[in-house]
PDB file of N, CA and C in Angstrom:
ATOM      1  N   MET A   1     -24.004 -32.673  37.550  1.00  0.00           N
ATOM      2  CA  MET A   1     -25.015 -33.841  37.809  1.00  0.00           C
ATOM      3  C   MET A   1     -26.454 -33.195  37.462  1.00  0.00           C
ATOM      4  N   VAL A   2     -27.154 -33.803  36.678  1.00  0.00           N
ATOM      5  CA  VAL A   2     -28.599 -33.603  36.445  1.00  0.00           C
ATOM      6  C   VAL A   2     -29.458 -34.625  36.943  1.00  0.00           C
ATOM      7  N   SER A   3     -30.454 -34.114  37.637  1.00  0.00           N
ATOM      8  CA  SER A   3     -31.476 -35.240  38.101  1.00  0.00           C
ATOM      9  C   SER A   3     -32.998 -34.826  37.924  1.00  0.00           C
ATOM     10  N   SER A   4     -33.722 -35.741  37.714  1.00  0.00           N
ATOM     11  CA  SER A   4     -35.153 -35.295  37.421  1.00  0.00           C
ATOM     12  C   SER A   4     -36.087 -35.887  38.586  1.00  0.00           C
ATOM     13  N   ILE A   5     -37.026 -35.150  38.987  1.00  0.00           N
ATOM     14  CA  ILE A   5     -37.916 -35.538  40.100  1.00  0.00           C
ATOM     15  C   ILE A   5     -38.860 -36.515  39.469  1.00  0.00           C
ATOM     16  N   ALA A   6     -39.011 -36.674  38.218  1.00  0.00           N
ATOM     17  CA  ALA A   6     -39.916 -37.705  37.584  1.00  0.00           C
ATOM     18  C   ALA A   6     -39.314 -39.117  37.330  1.00  0.00           C
ATOM     19  N   GLN A   7     -38.122 -39.085  37.560  1.00  0.00           N
ATOM     20  CA  GLN A   7     -37.323 -40.433  37.541  1.00  0.00           C
ATOM     21  C   GLN A   7     -37.203 -41.088  38.715  1.00  0.00           C
ATOM     22  N   ASN A   8     -37.595 -42.352  38.711  1.00  0.00           N
ATOM     23  CA  ASN A   8     -37.294 -43.087  39.931  1.00  0.00           C
ATOM     24  C   ASN A   8     -36.883 -44.562  39.470  1.00  0.00           C
ATOM     25  N   SER A   9     -35.556 -44.839  39.497  1.00  0.00           N
ATOM     26  CA  SER A   9     -35.077 -45.981  38.894  1.00  0.00           C
ATOM     27  C   SER A   9     -35.235 -47.244  39.794  1.00  0.00           C
ATOM     28  N   ASN A  10     -35.617 -46.935  41.116  1.00  0.00           N
ATOM     29  CA  ASN A  10     -35.633 -48.075  41.979  1.00  0.00           C
ATOM     30  C   ASN A  10     -37.013 -48.815  41.783  1.00  0.00           C
ATOM     31  N   LYS A  11     -37.961 -48.232  41.132  1.00  0.00           N
ATOM     32  CA  LYS A  11     -39.226 -49.117  40.960  1.00  0.00           C
ATOM     33  C   LYS A  11     -39.598 -49.544  39.730  1.00  0.00           C
ATOM     34  N   VAL A  12     -40.299 -50.787  39.706  1.00  0.00           N
ATOM     35  CA  VAL A  12     -40.559 -51.311  38.429  1.00  0.00           C
ATOM     36  C   VAL A  12     -41.913 -50.696  38.004  1.00  0.00           C
ATOM     37  N   LYS A  13     -41.885 -50.158  36.702  1.00  0.00           N
ATOM     38  CA  LYS A  13     -43.232 -49.526  36.307  1.00  0.00           C
ATOM     39  C   LYS A  13     -44.155 -50.739  35.888  1.00  0.00           C
ATOM     40  N   VAL A  14     -45.256 -50.595  36.369  1.00  0.00           N
ATOM     41  CA  VAL A  14     -46.437 -51.625  36.043  1.00  0.00           C
ATOM     42  C   VAL A  14     -47.511 -50.934  35.338  1.00  0.00           C
ATOM     43  N   TYR A  15     -47.694 -51.751  34.146  1.00  0.00           N
ATOM     44  CA  TYR A  15     -48.927 -51.368  33.221  1.00  0.00           C
ATOM     45  C   TYR A  15     -49.971 -52.133  33.390  1.00  0.00           C
ATOM     46  N   THR A  16     -51.137 -51.716  33.641  1.00  0.00           N
ATOM     47  CA  THR A  16     -52.339 -52.507  33.752  1.00  0.00           C
ATOM     48  C   THR A  16     -53.540 -51.917  32.785  1.00  0.00           C
ATOM     49  N   GLU A  17     -54.606 -52.665  32.684  1.00  0.00           N
ATOM     50  CA  GLU A  17     -55.480 -52.163  31.716  1.00  0.00           C
ATOM     51  C   GLU A  17     -56.565 -50.991  32.260  1.00  0.00           C
ATOM     52  N   ASP A  18     -56.801 -51.005  33.551  1.00  0.00           N
ATOM     53  CA  ASP A  18     -57.645 -49.969  34.040  1.00  0.00           C
ATOM     54  C   ASP A  18     -57.474 -50.034  35.600  1.00  0.00           C
ATOM     55  N   ASN A  19     -58.394 -49.059  36.227  1.00  0.00           N
ATOM     56  CA  ASN A  19     -58.458 -48.850  37.725  1.00  0.00           C
ATOM     57  C   ASN A  19     -58.632 -50.044  38.429  1.00  0.00           C
ATOM     58  N   GLU A  20     -59.623 -51.036  37.936  1.00  0.00           N
ATOM     59  CA  GLU A  20     -59.984 -52.027  38.802  1.00  0.00           C
ATOM     60  C   GLU A  20     -59.035 -53.049  38.810  1.00  0.00           C
ATOM     61  N   ALA A  21     -57.948 -53.107  37.910  1.00  0.00           N
ATOM     62  CA  ALA A  21     -56.747 -54.010  37.837  1.00  0.00           C
ATOM     63  C   ALA A  21     -55.810 -53.427  38.901  1.00  0.00           C
ATOM     64  N   ARG A  22     -55.694 -52.303  38.899  1.00  0.00           N
ATOM     65  CA  ARG A  22     -54.682 -51.622  39.894  1.00  0.00           C
ATOM     66  C   ARG A  22     -55.252 -51.945  41.296  1.00  0.00           C
ATOM     67  N   TRP A  23     -56.474 -51.696  41.544  1.00  0.00           N
ATOM     68  CA  TRP A  23     -57.146 -51.981  43.020  1.00  0.00           C
ATOM     69  C   TRP A  23     -56.899 -53.318  43.357  1.00  0.00           C
ATOM     70  N   PHE A  24     -57.078 -54.457  42.282  1.00  0.00           N
ATOM     71  CA  PHE A  24     -56.946 -55.721  42.632  1.00  0.00           C
ATOM     72  C   PHE A  24     -55.493 -56.016  43.027  1.00  0.00           C
ATOM     73  N   ILE A  25     -54.648 -55.310  42.235  1.00  0.00           N
ATOM     74  CA  ILE A  25     -53.107 -55.651  42.628  1.00  0.00           C
ATOM     75  C   ILE A  25     -52.760 -55.082  43.906  1.00  0.00           C
ATOM     76  N   LYS A  26     -53.285 -54.004  44.226  1.00  0.00           N
ATOM     77  CA  LYS A  26     -53.036 -53.345  45.671  1.00  0.00           C
ATOM     78  C   LYS A  26     -53.477 -54.133  46.774  1.00  0.00           C
ATOM     79  N   HIS A  27     -54.668 -55.006  46.588  1.00  0.00           N
ATOM     80  CA  HIS A  27     -55.144 -55.734  47.591  1.00  0.00           C
ATOM     81  C   HIS A  27     -54.488 -57.028  47.419  1.00  0.00           C
ATOM     82  N   LEU A  28     -54.019 -57.426  46.469  1.00  0.00           N
ATOM     83  CA  LEU A  28     -53.457 -58.809  46.254  1.00  0.00           C
ATOM     84  C   LEU A  28     -51.890 -58.829  46.817  1.00  0.00           C
ATOM     85  N   VAL A  29     -51.123 -57.987  46.722  1.00  0.00           N
ATOM     86  CA  VAL A  29     -49.850 -57.973  47.036  1.00  0.00           C
ATOM     87  C   VAL A  29     -49.351 -56.602  47.763  1.00  0.00           C
ATOM     88  N   PRO A  30     -50.092 -56.277  48.818  1.00  0.00           N
ATOM     89  CA  PRO A  30     -49.816 -54.987  49.431  1.00  0.00           C
ATOM     90  C   PRO A  30     -48.360 -54.815  49.845  1.00  0.00           C
ATOM     91  N   ASP A  31     -47.684 -55.931  50.334  1.00  0.00           N
ATOM     92  CA  ASP A  31     -46.226 -55.692  50.832  1.00  0.00           C
ATOM     93  C   ASP A  31     -45.241 -55.452  49.704  1.00  0.00           C
ATOM     94  N   TYR A  32     -45.522 -55.497  48.481  1.00  0.00           N
ATOM     95  CA  TYR A  32     -44.540 -55.403  47.453  1.00  0.00           C
ATOM     96  C   TYR A  32     -44.946 -54.173  46.666  1.00  0.00           C
ATOM     97  N   LEU A  33     -45.907 -53.266  47.202  1.00  0.00           N
ATOM     98  CA  LEU A  33     -46.123 -52.046  46.419  1.00  0.00           C
ATOM     99  C   LEU A  33     -44.925 -51.020  46.491  1.00  0.00           C
ATOM    100  N   ILE A  34     -44.101 -51.245  47.373  1.00  0.00           N
ATOM    101  CA  ILE A  34     -42.949 -50.259  47.529  1.00  0.00           C
ATOM    102  C   ILE A  34     -41.908 -50.559  46.631  1.00  0.00           C
ATOM    103  N   TYR A  35     -42.046 -51.666  45.864  1.00  0.00           N
ATOM    104  CA  TYR A  35     -41.192 -51.952  44.822  1.00  0.00           C
ATOM    105  C   TYR A  35     -41.630 -51.625  43.395  1.00  0.00           C
ATOM    106  N   VAL A  36     -42.867 -51.260  43.240  1.00  0.00           N
ATOM    107  CA  VAL A  36     -43.455 -51.056  42.035  1.00  0.00           C
ATOM    108  C   VAL A  36     -44.129 -49.738  41.856  1.00  0.00           C
ATOM    109  N   GLU A  37     -44.177 -49.210  40.631  1.00  0.00           N
ATOM    110  CA  GLU A  37     -45.053 -47.970  40.302  1.00  0.00           C
ATOM    111  C   GLU A  37     -46.335 -48.312  39.540  1.00  0.00           C
ATOM    112  N   LEU A  38     -47.417 -48.405  40.218  1.00  0.00           N
ATOM    113  CA  LEU A  38     -48.616 -48.835  39.372  1.00  0.00           C
ATOM    114  C   LEU A  38     -49.034 -47.470  38.570  1.00  0.00           C
ATOM    115  N   LEU A  39     -48.678 -47.516  37.267  1.00  0.00           N
ATOM    116  CA  LEU A  39     -49.186 -46.521  36.384  1.00  0.00           C
ATOM    117  C   LEU A  39     -50.505 -46.211  36.212  1.00  0.00           C
ATOM    118  N   GLU A  40     -50.914 -44.972  36.212  1.00  0.00           N
ATOM    119  CA  GLU A  40     -52.579 -44.677  35.827  1.00  0.00           C
ATOM    120  C   GLU A  40     -52.823 -44.844  34.422  1.00  0.00           C
ATOM    121  N   SER A  41     -52.730 -45.995  33.965  1.00  0.00           N
ATOM    122  CA  SER A  41     -52.901 -46.190  32.439  1.00  0.00           C
ATOM    123  C   SER A  41     -54.240 -46.771  32.216  1.00  0.00           C
ATOM    124  N   PHE A  42     -54.895 -46.446  31.103  1.00  0.00           N
ATOM    125  CA  PHE A  42     -56.139 -46.893  30.718  1.00  0.00           C
ATOM    126  C   PHE A  42     -55.926 -47.605  29.220  1.00  0.00           C
ATOM    127  N   ILE A  43     -55.311 -48.759  29.156  1.00  0.00           N
ATOM    128  CA  ILE A  43     -54.794 -49.259  27.925  1.00  0.00           C
ATOM    129  C   ILE A  43     -55.416 -50.556  27.759  1.00  0.00           C
ATOM    130  N   GLY A  44     -56.048 -50.976  26.687  1.00  0.00           N
ATOM    131  CA  GLY A  44     -56.663 -52.296  26.564  1.00  0.00           C
ATOM    132  C   GLY A  44     -55.528 -53.195  26.177  1.00  0.00           C
ATOM    133  N   CYS A  45     -55.954 -54.553  26.253  1.00  0.00           N
ATOM    134  CA  CYS A  45     -54.946 -55.710  26.009  1.00  0.00           C
ATOM    135  C   CYS A  45     -54.283 -55.569  24.679  1.00  0.00           C
ATOM    136  N   ASP A  46     -55.044 -55.273  23.664  1.00  0.00           N
ATOM    137  CA  ASP A  46     -54.373 -55.264  22.290  1.00  0.00           C
ATOM    138  C   ASP A  46     -53.312 -54.003  22.208  1.00  0.00           C
ATOM    139  N   GLN A  47     -53.736 -52.954  22.754  1.00  0.00           N
ATOM    140  CA  GLN A  47     -52.835 -51.665  22.693  1.00  0.00           C
ATOM    141  C   GLN A  47     -51.586 -52.020  23.521  1.00  0.00           C
ATOM    142  N   LEU A  48     -51.680 -52.693  24.757  1.00  0.00           N
ATOM    143  CA  LEU A  48     -50.481 -52.989  25.549  1.00  0.00           C
ATOM    144  C   LEU A  48     -49.686 -53.974  24.766  1.00  0.00           C
ATOM    145  N   ILE A  49     -50.176 -54.983  24.124  1.00  0.00           N
ATOM    146  CA  ILE A  49     -49.461 -55.812  23.333  1.00  0.00           C
ATOM    147  C   ILE A  49     -48.648 -55.183  22.242  1.00  0.00           C
ATOM    148  N   GLY A  50     -49.234 -54.194  21.505  1.00  0.00           N
ATOM    149  CA  GLY A  50     -48.796 -53.409  20.377  1.00  0.00           C
ATOM    150  C   GLY A  50     -47.760 -52.617  20.842  1.00  0.00           C
ATOM    151  N   LEU A  51     -47.782 -52.047  21.979  1.00  0.00           N
ATOM    152  CA  LEU A  51     -46.701 -51.017  22.514  1.00  0.00           C
ATOM    153  C   LEU A  51     -45.397 -52.085  22.945  1.00  0.00           C
ATOM    154  N   TYR A  52     -45.776 -53.207  23.589  1.00  0.00           N
ATOM    155  CA  TYR A  52     -44.714 -54.038  24.066  1.00  0.00           C
ATOM    156  C   TYR A  52     -43.950 -54.521  22.784  1.00  0.00           C
ATOM    157  N   CYS A  53     -44.508 -54.902  21.640  1.00  0.00           N
ATOM    158  CA  CYS A  53     -43.941 -55.469  20.529  1.00  0.00           C
ATOM    159  C   CYS A  53     -43.200 -54.303  19.881  1.00  0.00           C
ATOM    160  N   ALA A  54     -43.644 -53.165  19.934  1.00  0.00           N
ATOM    161  CA  ALA A  54     -43.026 -52.024  19.140  1.00  0.00           C
ATOM    162  C   ALA A  54     -41.672 -51.656  19.822  1.00  0.00           C
ATOM    163  N   ASP A  55     -41.605 -51.738  21.061  1.00  0.00           N
ATOM    164  CA  ASP A  55     -40.550 -51.257  21.706  1.00  0.00           C
ATOM    165  C   ASP A  55     -40.105 -52.292  22.938  1.00  0.00           C
ATOM    166  N   LEU A  56     -39.635 -53.284  22.560  1.00  0.00           N
ATOM    167  CA  LEU A  56     -39.196 -54.365  23.435  1.00  0.00           C
ATOM    168  C   LEU A  56     -38.036 -53.945  24.494  1.00  0.00           C
ATOM    169  N   SER A  57     -37.156 -53.152  23.920  1.00  0.00           N
ATOM    170  CA  SER A  57     -35.994 -52.558  24.760  1.00  0.00           C
ATOM    171  C   SER A  57     -36.596 -51.756  26.078  1.00  0.00           C
ATOM    172  N   TYR A  58     -37.745 -51.054  25.763  1.00  0.00           N
ATOM    173  CA  TYR A  58     -38.225 -50.359  26.981  1.00  0.00           C
ATOM    174  C   TYR A  58     -39.104 -51.135  27.647  1.00  0.00           C
ATOM    175  N   PHE A  59     -40.254 -51.902  27.103  1.00  0.00           N
ATOM    176  CA  PHE A  59     -41.272 -52.601  27.767  1.00  0.00           C
ATOM    177  C   PHE A  59     -40.739 -53.911  28.293  1.00  0.00           C
ATOM    178  N   GLY A  60     -39.474 -54.268  27.986  1.00  0.00           N
ATOM    179  CA  GLY A  60     -38.850 -55.526  28.531  1.00  0.00           C
ATOM    180  C   GLY A  60     -38.408 -55.301  30.050  1.00  0.00           C
ATOM    181  N   ASN A  61     -38.328 -54.082  30.356  1.00  0.00           N
ATOM    182  CA  ASN A  61     -38.092 -53.565  31.767  1.00  0.00           C
ATOM    183  C   ASN A  61     -39.174 -53.151  32.646  1.00  0.00           C
ATOM    184  N   THR A  62     -40.503 -53.510  32.052  1.00  0.00           N
ATOM    185  CA  THR A  62     -41.560 -53.068  32.875  1.00  0.00           C
ATOM    186  C   THR A  62     -42.353 -54.528  33.258  1.00  0.00           C
ATOM    187  N   LEU A  63     -43.411 -54.228  34.043  1.00  0.00           N
ATOM    188  CA  LEU A  63     -44.376 -55.505  34.151  1.00  0.00           C
ATOM    189  C   LEU A  63     -45.590 -55.189  33.548  1.00  0.00           C
ATOM    190  N   ILE A  64     -46.035 -56.113  32.731  1.00  0.00           N
ATOM    191  CA  ILE A  64     -47.447 -56.011  32.152  1.00  0.00           C
ATOM    192  C   ILE A  64     -48.402 -56.951  32.789  1.00  0.00           C
ATOM    193  N   VAL A  65     -49.502 -56.325  33.313  1.00  0.00           N
ATOM    194  CA  VAL A  65     -50.398 -57.203  33.952  1.00  0.00           C
ATOM    195  C   VAL A  65     -51.768 -57.071  33.406  1.00  0.00           C
ATOM    196  N   PHE A  66     -52.311 -58.179  32.729  1.00  0.00           N
ATOM    197  CA  PHE A  66     -53.518 -58.286  32.180  1.00  0.00           C
ATOM    198  C   PHE A  66     -54.494 -58.779  33.066  1.00  0.00           C
ATOM    199  N   ASP A  67     -55.846 -58.558  32.680  1.00  0.00           N
ATOM    200  CA  ASP A  67     -57.076 -58.970  33.537  1.00  0.00           C
ATOM    201  C   ASP A  67     -57.062 -60.548  33.318  1.00  0.00           C
ATOM    202  N   GLY A  68     -57.639 -61.112  34.299  1.00  0.00           N
ATOM    203  CA  GLY A  68     -57.885 -62.558  34.295  1.00  0.00           C
ATOM    204  C   GLY A  68     -58.489 -63.161  33.204  1.00  0.00           C
ATOM    205  N   ASP A  69     -59.256 -62.427  32.510  1.00  0.00           N
ATOM    206  CA  ASP A  69     -60.059 -62.990  31.295  1.00  0.00           C
ATOM    207  C   ASP A  69     -59.203 -63.110  30.090  1.00  0.00           C
ATOM    208  N   VAL A  70     -58.078 -62.530  30.072  1.00  0.00           N
ATOM    209  CA  VAL A  70     -57.193 -62.753  29.059  1.00  0.00           C
ATOM    210  C   VAL A  70     -56.600 -64.211  28.796  1.00  0.00           C
ATOM    211  N   ASP A  71     -56.706 -64.743  27.780  1.00  0.00           N
ATOM    212  CA  ASP A  71     -56.377 -66.091  27.692  1.00  0.00           C
ATOM    213  C   ASP A  71     -55.009 -66.193  26.936  1.00  0.00           C
ATOM    214  N   VAL A  72     -54.070 -66.782  27.700  1.00  0.00           N
ATOM    215  CA  VAL A  72     -52.586 -66.788  27.174  1.00  0.00           C
ATOM    216  C   VAL A  72     -52.458 -67.381  25.903  1.00  0.00           C
ATOM    217  N   ASP A  73     -53.316 -68.169  25.635  1.00  0.00           N
ATOM    218  CA  ASP A  73     -53.287 -69.086  24.203  1.00  0.00           C
ATOM    219  C   ASP A  73     -54.006 -68.271  23.080  1.00  0.00           C
ATOM    220  N   GLU A  74     -54.699 -67.178  23.627  1.00  0.00           N
ATOM    221  CA  GLU A  74     -55.475 -66.454  22.687  1.00  0.00           C
ATOM    222  C   GLU A  74     -54.485 -65.724  21.543  1.00  0.00           C
ATOM    223  N   LYS A  75     -54.954 -65.336  20.265  1.00  0.00           N
ATOM    224  CA  LYS A  75     -54.001 -64.920  19.343  1.00  0.00           C
ATOM    225  C   LYS A  75     -53.568 -63.537  19.766  1.00  0.00           C
ATOM    226  N   GLN A  76     -54.249 -62.784  20.541  1.00  0.00           N
ATOM    227  CA  GLN A  76     -53.694 -61.499  21.165  1.00  0.00           C
ATOM    228  C   GLN A  76     -52.257 -61.692  21.775  1.00  0.00           C
ATOM    229  N   LEU A  77     -52.075 -62.540  22.780  1.00  0.00           N
ATOM    230  CA  LEU A  77     -50.878 -62.750  23.368  1.00  0.00           C
ATOM    231  C   LEU A  77     -49.790 -63.658  22.354  1.00  0.00           C
ATOM    232  N   LYS A  78     -50.330 -64.134  21.396  1.00  0.00           N
ATOM    233  CA  LYS A  78     -49.511 -64.870  20.504  1.00  0.00           C
ATOM    234  C   LYS A  78     -48.601 -63.970  19.665  1.00  0.00           C
ATOM    235  N   ARG A  79     -49.053 -62.729  19.578  1.00  0.00           N
ATOM    236  CA  ARG A  79     -48.224 -61.710  18.878  1.00  0.00           C
ATOM    237  C   ARG A  79     -46.958 -61.559  19.475  1.00  0.00           C
ATOM    238  N   VAL A  80     -46.763 -61.916  20.851  1.00  0.00           N
ATOM    239  CA  VAL A  80     -45.522 -61.990  21.407  1.00  0.00           C
ATOM    240  C   VAL A  80     -45.014 -63.303  21.533  1.00  0.00           C
ATOM    241  N   SER A  81     -43.897 -63.515  20.963  1.00  0.00           N
ATOM    242  CA  SER A  81     -43.356 -65.048  20.734  1.00  0.00           C
ATOM    243  C   SER A  81     -43.242 -65.816  22.245  1.00  0.00           C
ATOM    244  N   ASP A  82     -43.452 -66.981  22.158  1.00  0.00           N
ATOM    245  CA  ASP A  82     -43.284 -67.770  23.392  1.00  0.00           C
ATOM    246  C   ASP A  82     -41.897 -67.611  23.923  1.00  0.00           C
ATOM    247  N   VAL A  83     -40.981 -67.649  23.075  1.00  0.00           N
ATOM    248  CA  VAL A  83     -39.608 -67.682  23.613  1.00  0.00           C
ATOM    249  C   VAL A  83     -39.389 -66.124  24.238  1.00  0.00           C
ATOM    250  N   THR A  84     -39.929 -65.136  23.757  1.00  0.00           N
ATOM    251  CA  THR A  84     -39.721 -63.675  24.493  1.00  0.00           C
ATOM    252  C   THR A  84     -40.387 -63.717  25.730  1.00  0.00           C
ATOM    253  N   ARG A  85     -41.683 -64.342  25.844  1.00  0.00           N
ATOM    254  CA  ARG A  85     -42.535 -64.284  27.075  1.00  0.00           C
ATOM    255  C   ARG A  85     -41.757 -65.204  28.082  1.00  0.00           C
ATOM    256  N   LYS A  86     -41.321 -66.309  27.832  1.00  0.00           N
ATOM    257  CA  LYS A  86     -40.467 -67.146  28.744  1.00  0.00           C
ATOM    258  C   LYS A  86     -39.303 -66.478  29.232  1.00  0.00           C
ATOM    259  N   ASN A  87     -38.460 -65.916  28.198  1.00  0.00           N
ATOM    260  CA  ASN A  87     -37.027 -65.419  28.669  1.00  0.00           C
ATOM    261  C   ASN A  87     -37.275 -64.171  29.472  1.00  0.00           C
ATOM    262  N   ILE A  88     -38.061 -63.227  29.058  1.00  0.00           N
ATOM    263  CA  ILE A  88     -38.215 -62.117  29.758  1.00  0.00           C
ATOM    264  C   ILE A  88     -39.084 -62.192  31.021  1.00  0.00           C
ATOM    265  N   GLY A  89     -40.185 -62.897  30.841  1.00  0.00           N
ATOM    266  CA  GLY A  89     -41.154 -63.237  31.990  1.00  0.00           C
ATOM    267  C   GLY A  89     -41.733 -62.136  32.588  1.00  0.00           C
ATOM    268  N   ASN A  90     -42.047 -60.897  31.947  1.00  0.00           N
ATOM    269  CA  ASN A  90     -42.632 -59.560  32.459  1.00  0.00           C
ATOM    270  C   ASN A  90     -44.151 -59.501  32.089  1.00  0.00           C
ATOM    271  N   ILE A  91     -44.693 -60.499  31.488  1.00  0.00           N
ATOM    272  CA  ILE A  91     -46.123 -60.468  31.115  1.00  0.00           C
ATOM    273  C   ILE A  91     -46.835 -61.480  31.888  1.00  0.00           C
ATOM    274  N   ILE A  92     -47.769 -60.870  32.901  1.00  0.00           N
ATOM    275  CA  ILE A  92     -48.628 -61.844  33.639  1.00  0.00           C
ATOM    276  C   ILE A  92     -49.982 -61.429  33.559  1.00  0.00           C
ATOM    277  N   LYS A  93     -50.775 -62.299  34.280  1.00  0.00           N
ATOM    278  CA  LYS A  93     -52.260 -62.023  34.345  1.00  0.00           C
ATOM    279  C   LYS A  93     -52.861 -62.089  35.758  1.00  0.00           C
ATOM    280  N   LEU A  94     -53.828 -61.431  36.026  1.00  0.00           N
ATOM    281  CA  LEU A  94     -54.509 -61.541  37.380  1.00  0.00           C
ATOM    282  C   LEU A  94     -55.146 -62.876  37.515  1.00  0.00           C
ATOM    283  N   PRO A  95     -55.202 -63.399  38.698  1.00  0.00           N
ATOM    284  CA  PRO A  95     -55.717 -64.655  38.778  1.00  0.00           C
ATOM    285  C   PRO A  95     -57.113 -64.902  38.488  1.00  0.00           C
ATOM    286  N   GLY A  96     -57.505 -65.922  38.109  1.00  0.00           N
ATOM    287  CA  GLY A  96     -58.970 -66.295  37.639  1.00  0.00           C
ATOM    288  C   GLY A  96     -59.237 -65.987  36.215  1.00  0.00           C
ATOM    289  N   ASN A  97     -60.416 -66.315  35.930  1.00  0.00           N
ATOM    290  CA  ASN A  97     -60.757 -66.196  34.397  1.00  0.00           C
ATOM    291  C   ASN A  97     -61.760 -65.127  34.118  1.00  0.00           C
ATOM    292  N   LYS A  98     -61.866 -64.129  35.067  1.00  0.00           N
ATOM    293  CA  LYS A  98     -62.812 -63.107  35.032  1.00  0.00           C
ATOM    294  C   LYS A  98     -61.881 -61.702  35.034  1.00  0.00           C
ATOM    295  N   PRO A  99     -62.562 -60.625  34.470  1.00  0.00           N
ATOM    296  CA  PRO A  99     -61.921 -59.332  34.810  1.00  0.00           C
ATOM    297  C   PRO A  99     -62.108 -58.944  36.139  1.00  0.00           C
ATOM    298  N   PRO A 100     -61.276 -58.171  36.767  1.00  0.00           N
ATOM    299  CA  PRO A 100     -61.304 -57.793  38.348  1.00  0.00           C
ATOM    300  C   PRO A 100     -62.755 -57.023  38.533  1.00  0.00           C
ATOM    301  N   GLU A 101     -63.435 -56.369  37.662  1.00  0.00           N
ATOM    302  CA  GLU A 101     -64.524 -55.696  38.000  1.00  0.00           C
ATOM    303  C   GLU A 101     -65.801 -56.659  38.319  1.00  0.00           C
ATOM    304  N   VAL A 102     -65.655 -57.871  37.715  1.00  0.00           N
ATOM    305  CA  VAL A 102     -66.635 -58.923  38.004  1.00  0.00           C
ATOM    306  C   VAL A 102     -66.467 -59.751  39.335  1.00  0.00           C
ATOM    307  N   VAL A 103     -65.063 -59.799  39.531  1.00  0.00           N
ATOM    308  CA  VAL A 103     -64.665 -60.660  40.846  1.00  0.00           C
ATOM    309  C   VAL A 103     -65.058 -59.785  41.934  1.00  0.00           C
TER     310      VAL A 103
END
């Protein structure tokens, strides 16, 4: 049996745009942090969507959290079909209409 210390299948990997979004999540849902792994990622909205579309089999098992200023009707998120977003349901945005660093 081979095991890896880098593997933890019990936690959902969470991709965010920046440190401020992770800070916001930590303070928004502190009781649920034991179930997720907030990845130290610095990936913009367009890049996250590109990765998501490129490998749906992997990113379909993660949680993608966008800043509040991302409009779900914007052409960026329209790259992911409505059917995919509704059926998988793993793309969300922070509350409000502003980025976390402004809030």
